[in-house]
Amino acid sequence: MESTWGICEHEDSDIYRQTIGEYSRVTREQLITLLGKHNTKQDILKVFSDFDLHQTGCITIDEFANMLAKLQIAVDRKYLRGIFRTINLTKSGTIHAEEFVHFINPQLA
């Protein structure tokens, strides 16, 4: 099933959780690097807007995949949704601006 659908069958496994944690850490670090010295909430929201390609106020899973590609983070498809879920705290299916800010700097959210 994994090779057909790109879905990890063992999302509860320790290895899966560790991999998601590592990808999430790298994603956060790349976003912080992209921000550089410009790390206010407004700066983070500007970066969010840049990745919100359709300007809907939310980042979809496809926009998220595009964001990772632009950050030059190669992710196996089977881990994409897991990383997305670590940011999408409300479980709405999209990443909202406040969730994005919280992911980068929880103190600003």
N, C-alpha and C. Protein backbone atom coordinates (compact mmCIF):
# COMPACT_ATOMS: atom_id res chain seq x y z
N MET A 1 0.82 -1.19 0.00
CA MET A 1 0.00 0.00 0.00
C MET A 1 0.87 1.26 0.00
N GLU A 2 1.97 1.25 0.74
CA GLU A 2 2.83 2.43 0.82
C GLU A 2 3.36 2.81 -0.56
N SER A 3 3.82 1.84 -1.32
CA SER A 3 4.40 2.16 -2.63
C SER A 3 3.33 2.63 -3.62
N THR A 4 2.10 2.19 -3.47
CA THR A 4 1.03 2.59 -4.37
C THR A 4 0.51 3.98 -4.06
N TRP A 5 0.27 4.28 -2.80
CA TRP A 5 -0.38 5.53 -2.41
C TRP A 5 0.56 6.55 -1.79
N GLY A 6 1.79 6.18 -1.49
CA GLY A 6 2.71 7.12 -0.86
C GLY A 6 2.32 7.43 0.58
N ILE A 7 1.61 6.51 1.20
CA ILE A 7 1.16 6.69 2.58
C ILE A 7 1.98 5.79 3.48
N CYS A 8 2.48 6.34 4.55
CA CYS A 8 3.22 5.54 5.51
C CYS A 8 2.23 4.75 6.35
N GLU A 9 2.37 3.44 6.35
CA GLU A 9 1.43 2.59 7.08
C GLU A 9 1.68 2.60 8.58
N HIS A 10 2.80 3.11 9.01
CA HIS A 10 3.16 3.02 10.42
C HIS A 10 3.36 4.41 11.02
N GLU A 11 2.35 5.25 10.95
CA GLU A 11 2.46 6.62 11.45
C GLU A 11 2.65 6.66 12.96
N ASP A 12 2.35 5.58 13.64
CA ASP A 12 2.54 5.54 15.09
C ASP A 12 3.91 5.01 15.49
N SER A 13 4.73 4.64 14.52
CA SER A 13 6.04 4.07 14.85
C SER A 13 7.00 5.16 15.31
N ASP A 14 7.94 4.76 16.12
CA ASP A 14 8.95 5.70 16.63
C ASP A 14 9.78 6.29 15.50
N ILE A 15 10.13 5.47 14.53
CA ILE A 15 10.95 5.95 13.41
C ILE A 15 10.20 7.01 12.62
N TYR A 16 8.93 6.79 12.36
CA TYR A 16 8.11 7.77 11.64
C TYR A 16 8.07 9.09 12.41
N ARG A 17 7.79 9.01 13.71
CA ARG A 17 7.71 10.23 14.54
C ARG A 17 9.05 10.95 14.59
N GLN A 18 10.14 10.21 14.68
CA GLN A 18 11.47 10.82 14.69
C GLN A 18 11.76 11.51 13.36
N THR A 19 11.38 10.87 12.28
CA THR A 19 11.60 11.45 10.95
C THR A 19 10.79 12.73 10.78
N ILE A 20 9.54 12.71 11.20
CA ILE A 20 8.69 13.90 11.13
C ILE A 20 9.29 15.01 11.99
N GLY A 21 9.75 14.67 13.17
CA GLY A 21 10.37 15.65 14.06
C GLY A 21 11.60 16.28 13.43
N GLU A 22 12.41 15.47 12.77
CA GLU A 22 13.62 15.98 12.12
C GLU A 22 13.27 16.88 10.94
N TYR A 23 12.34 16.45 10.11
CA TYR A 23 11.91 17.29 8.99
C TYR A 23 11.31 18.61 9.50
N SER A 24 10.55 18.55 10.57
CA SER A 24 9.95 19.77 11.13
C SER A 24 11.03 20.71 11.64
N ARG A 25 12.04 20.16 12.29
CA ARG A 25 13.15 20.98 12.80
C ARG A 25 13.89 21.66 11.65
N VAL A 26 14.17 20.90 10.61
CA VAL A 26 14.88 21.45 9.46
C VAL A 26 14.04 22.52 8.77
N THR A 27 12.75 22.28 8.65
CA THR A 27 11.86 23.27 8.03
C THR A 27 11.87 24.57 8.83
N ARG A 28 11.74 24.46 10.12
CA ARG A 28 11.76 25.65 10.99
C ARG A 28 13.08 26.39 10.85
N GLU A 29 14.18 25.66 10.87
CA GLU A 29 15.50 26.29 10.74
C GLU A 29 15.66 27.00 9.40
N GLN A 30 15.17 26.38 8.33
CA GLN A 30 15.26 27.01 7.01
C GLN A 30 14.42 28.28 6.95
N LEU A 31 13.26 28.27 7.56
CA LEU A 31 12.42 29.46 7.59
C LEU A 31 13.08 30.57 8.40
N ILE A 32 13.68 30.21 9.51
CA ILE A 32 14.39 31.20 10.34
C ILE A 32 15.57 31.78 9.56
N THR A 33 16.27 30.92 8.83
CA THR A 33 17.38 31.39 8.00
C THR A 33 16.87 32.34 6.92
N LEU A 34 15.76 32.00 6.30
CA LEU A 34 15.16 32.85 5.28
C LEU A 34 14.80 34.22 5.85
N LEU A 35 14.31 34.24 7.07
CA LEU A 35 13.94 35.51 7.72
C LEU A 35 15.16 36.35 8.07
N GLY A 36 16.25 35.69 8.42
CA GLY A 36 17.46 36.42 8.81
C GLY A 36 17.20 37.28 10.03
N LYS A 37 17.63 38.51 9.96
CA LYS A 37 17.45 39.45 11.08
C LYS A 37 16.03 39.99 11.14
N HIS A 38 15.26 39.73 10.09
CA HIS A 38 13.89 40.22 10.02
C HIS A 38 12.96 39.17 10.59
N ASN A 39 12.82 39.16 11.90
CA ASN A 39 12.06 38.08 12.54
C ASN A 39 10.92 38.57 13.42
N THR A 40 10.34 39.71 13.07
CA THR A 40 9.17 40.17 13.79
C THR A 40 7.95 39.39 13.29
N LYS A 41 6.85 39.54 13.97
CA LYS A 41 5.62 38.87 13.54
C LYS A 41 5.24 39.33 12.14
N GLN A 42 5.39 40.60 11.86
CA GLN A 42 5.07 41.14 10.53
C GLN A 42 5.95 40.49 9.46
N ASP A 43 7.23 40.30 9.77
CA ASP A 43 8.15 39.67 8.83
C ASP A 43 7.73 38.22 8.56
N ILE A 44 7.36 37.52 9.60
CA ILE A 44 6.92 36.13 9.46
C ILE A 44 5.64 36.07 8.63
N LEU A 45 4.73 37.01 8.87
CA LEU A 45 3.48 37.05 8.10
C LEU A 45 3.74 37.36 6.63
N LYS A 46 4.76 38.14 6.34
CA LYS A 46 5.13 38.42 4.95
C LYS A 46 5.61 37.14 4.27
N VAL A 47 6.44 36.36 4.97
CA VAL A 47 6.90 35.09 4.42
C VAL A 47 5.71 34.15 4.22
N PHE A 48 4.81 34.12 5.19
CA PHE A 48 3.59 33.32 5.06
C PHE A 48 2.84 33.70 3.80
N SER A 49 2.67 34.98 3.59
CA SER A 49 1.95 35.48 2.42
C SER A 49 2.65 35.06 1.12
N ASP A 50 3.96 35.06 1.13
CA ASP A 50 4.71 34.64 -0.05
C ASP A 50 4.45 33.17 -0.40
N PHE A 51 4.26 32.34 0.60
CA PHE A 51 4.00 30.92 0.38
C PHE A 51 2.52 30.61 0.18
N ASP A 52 1.65 31.54 0.55
CA ASP A 52 0.20 31.41 0.34
C ASP A 52 -0.08 31.85 -1.10
N LEU A 53 0.21 30.97 -2.03
CA LEU A 53 0.21 31.30 -3.46
C LEU A 53 -1.13 31.83 -3.96
N HIS A 54 -2.22 31.32 -3.42
CA HIS A 54 -3.55 31.75 -3.87
C HIS A 54 -4.12 32.89 -3.03
N GLN A 55 -3.32 33.36 -2.07
CA GLN A 55 -3.70 34.48 -1.20
C GLN A 55 -5.07 34.26 -0.55
N THR A 56 -5.25 33.06 0.00
CA THR A 56 -6.50 32.70 0.68
C THR A 56 -6.43 32.92 2.19
N GLY A 57 -5.23 33.22 2.69
CA GLY A 57 -5.04 33.33 4.13
C GLY A 57 -4.69 32.01 4.79
N CYS A 58 -4.53 30.98 3.97
CA CYS A 58 -4.17 29.64 4.45
C CYS A 58 -3.18 29.02 3.49
N ILE A 59 -2.34 28.16 4.02
CA ILE A 59 -1.43 27.39 3.18
C ILE A 59 -1.98 25.97 3.08
N THR A 60 -2.25 25.54 1.86
CA THR A 60 -2.75 24.19 1.61
C THR A 60 -1.58 23.21 1.60
N ILE A 61 -1.90 21.94 1.54
CA ILE A 61 -0.86 20.92 1.49
C ILE A 61 -0.01 21.08 0.23
N ASP A 62 -0.63 21.46 -0.88
CA ASP A 62 0.13 21.67 -2.13
C ASP A 62 1.04 22.89 -2.01
N GLU A 63 0.55 23.96 -1.42
CA GLU A 63 1.38 25.15 -1.21
C GLU A 63 2.52 24.84 -0.24
N PHE A 64 2.23 23.98 0.74
CA PHE A 64 3.25 23.57 1.70
C PHE A 64 4.35 22.77 0.99
N ALA A 65 3.96 21.86 0.11
CA ALA A 65 4.93 21.09 -0.66
C ALA A 65 5.79 22.03 -1.51
N ASN A 66 5.16 23.03 -2.09
CA ASN A 66 5.89 24.02 -2.87
C ASN A 66 6.86 24.81 -1.98
N MET A 67 6.42 25.16 -0.77
CA MET A 67 7.27 25.87 0.18
C MET A 67 8.52 25.05 0.50
N LEU A 68 8.33 23.77 0.79
CA LEU A 68 9.47 22.90 1.10
C LEU A 68 10.43 22.83 -0.07
N ALA A 69 9.90 22.76 -1.28
CA ALA A 69 10.76 22.72 -2.47
C ALA A 69 11.56 24.02 -2.60
N LYS A 70 10.90 25.15 -2.36
CA LYS A 70 11.60 26.44 -2.44
C LYS A 70 12.66 26.57 -1.35
N LEU A 71 12.42 25.93 -0.22
CA LEU A 71 13.40 25.93 0.86
C LEU A 71 14.48 24.87 0.64
N GLN A 72 14.37 24.16 -0.45
CA GLN A 72 15.30 23.09 -0.82
C GLN A 72 15.35 21.98 0.22
N ILE A 73 14.17 21.60 0.70
CA ILE A 73 14.03 20.49 1.63
C ILE A 73 13.37 19.35 0.87
N ALA A 74 14.13 18.32 0.59
CA ALA A 74 13.61 17.17 -0.13
C ALA A 74 12.92 16.24 0.86
N VAL A 75 11.63 16.04 0.66
CA VAL A 75 10.82 15.24 1.58
C VAL A 75 10.16 14.11 0.81
N ASP A 76 10.28 12.90 1.35
CA ASP A 76 9.51 11.80 0.78
C ASP A 76 8.03 12.12 0.95
N ARG A 77 7.28 11.86 -0.09
CA ARG A 77 5.84 12.17 -0.09
C ARG A 77 5.12 11.58 1.13
N LYS A 78 5.56 10.40 1.57
CA LYS A 78 4.89 9.73 2.68
C LYS A 78 5.03 10.50 4.00
N TYR A 79 5.97 11.44 4.07
CA TYR A 79 6.15 12.23 5.29
C TYR A 79 5.54 13.62 5.20
N LEU A 80 5.14 14.04 4.02
CA LEU A 80 4.65 15.41 3.82
C LEU A 80 3.48 15.75 4.74
N ARG A 81 2.48 14.92 4.76
CA ARG A 81 1.29 15.20 5.57
C ARG A 81 1.62 15.22 7.07
N GLY A 82 2.55 14.38 7.50
CA GLY A 82 2.95 14.36 8.91
C GLY A 82 3.61 15.66 9.33
N ILE A 83 4.47 16.19 8.47
CA ILE A 83 5.12 17.48 8.77
C ILE A 83 4.07 18.58 8.78
N PHE A 84 3.20 18.55 7.80
CA PHE A 84 2.10 19.53 7.70
C PHE A 84 1.28 19.54 8.99
N ARG A 85 0.98 18.36 9.50
CA ARG A 85 0.16 18.25 10.73
C ARG A 85 0.85 18.84 11.95
N THR A 86 2.19 18.83 11.97
CA THR A 86 2.88 19.40 13.13
C THR A 86 2.68 20.92 13.20
N ILE A 87 2.41 21.53 12.06
CA ILE A 87 2.19 22.98 12.01
C ILE A 87 0.71 23.30 12.13
N ASN A 88 -0.14 22.47 11.53
CA ASN A 88 -1.59 22.68 11.52
C ASN A 88 -2.20 22.22 12.85
N LEU A 89 -1.99 23.03 13.87
CA LEU A 89 -2.42 22.67 15.23
C LEU A 89 -3.92 22.53 15.38
N THR A 90 -4.70 23.28 14.61
CA THR A 90 -6.15 23.23 14.72
C THR A 90 -6.76 22.06 13.96
N LYS A 91 -5.92 21.35 13.20
CA LYS A 91 -6.36 20.19 12.41
C LYS A 91 -7.42 20.57 11.38
N SER A 92 -7.34 21.81 10.87
CA SER A 92 -8.32 22.30 9.91
C SER A 92 -8.05 21.83 8.48
N GLY A 93 -6.86 21.31 8.24
CA GLY A 93 -6.52 20.88 6.90
C GLY A 93 -5.75 21.93 6.11
N THR A 94 -5.60 23.11 6.69
CA THR A 94 -4.77 24.16 6.11
C THR A 94 -4.00 24.84 7.24
N ILE A 95 -2.88 25.45 6.88
CA ILE A 95 -2.08 26.17 7.88
C ILE A 95 -2.48 27.63 7.84
N HIS A 96 -2.96 28.12 8.96
CA HIS A 96 -3.34 29.53 9.09
C HIS A 96 -2.13 30.35 9.54
N ALA A 97 -2.21 31.64 9.34
CA ALA A 97 -1.09 32.53 9.63
C ALA A 97 -0.59 32.39 11.07
N GLU A 98 -1.50 32.34 12.03
CA GLU A 98 -1.09 32.24 13.43
C GLU A 98 -0.38 30.92 13.72
N GLU A 99 -0.79 29.85 13.06
CA GLU A 99 -0.11 28.57 13.22
C GLU A 99 1.30 28.65 12.65
N PHE A 100 1.45 29.34 11.53
CA PHE A 100 2.75 29.52 10.90
C PHE A 100 3.67 30.32 11.81
N VAL A 101 3.15 31.41 12.37
CA VAL A 101 3.92 32.23 13.30
C VAL A 101 4.33 31.39 14.51
N HIS A 102 3.39 30.65 15.05
CA HIS A 102 3.65 29.81 16.22
C HIS A 102 4.73 28.78 15.93
N PHE A 103 4.72 28.20 14.73
CA PHE A 103 5.71 27.21 14.35
C PHE A 103 7.11 27.82 14.34
N ILE A 104 7.23 29.04 13.81
CA ILE A 104 8.53 29.69 13.71
C ILE A 104 8.98 30.28 15.05
N ASN A 105 8.05 30.97 15.72
CA ASN A 105 8.39 31.61 17.00
C ASN A 105 7.16 31.63 17.89
N PRO A 106 6.99 30.62 18.74
CA PRO A 106 5.80 30.53 19.60
C PRO A 106 5.58 31.76 20.48
N GLN A 107 6.64 32.48 20.81
CA GLN A 107 6.51 33.65 21.67
C GLN A 107 5.77 34.80 20.98
N LEU A 108 5.75 34.79 19.65
CA LEU A 108 5.09 35.86 18.91
C LEU A 108 3.62 35.57 18.61
N ALA A 109 3.24 34.31 18.74
CA ALA A 109 1.87 33.92 18.36
C ALA A 109 0.86 34.37 19.40
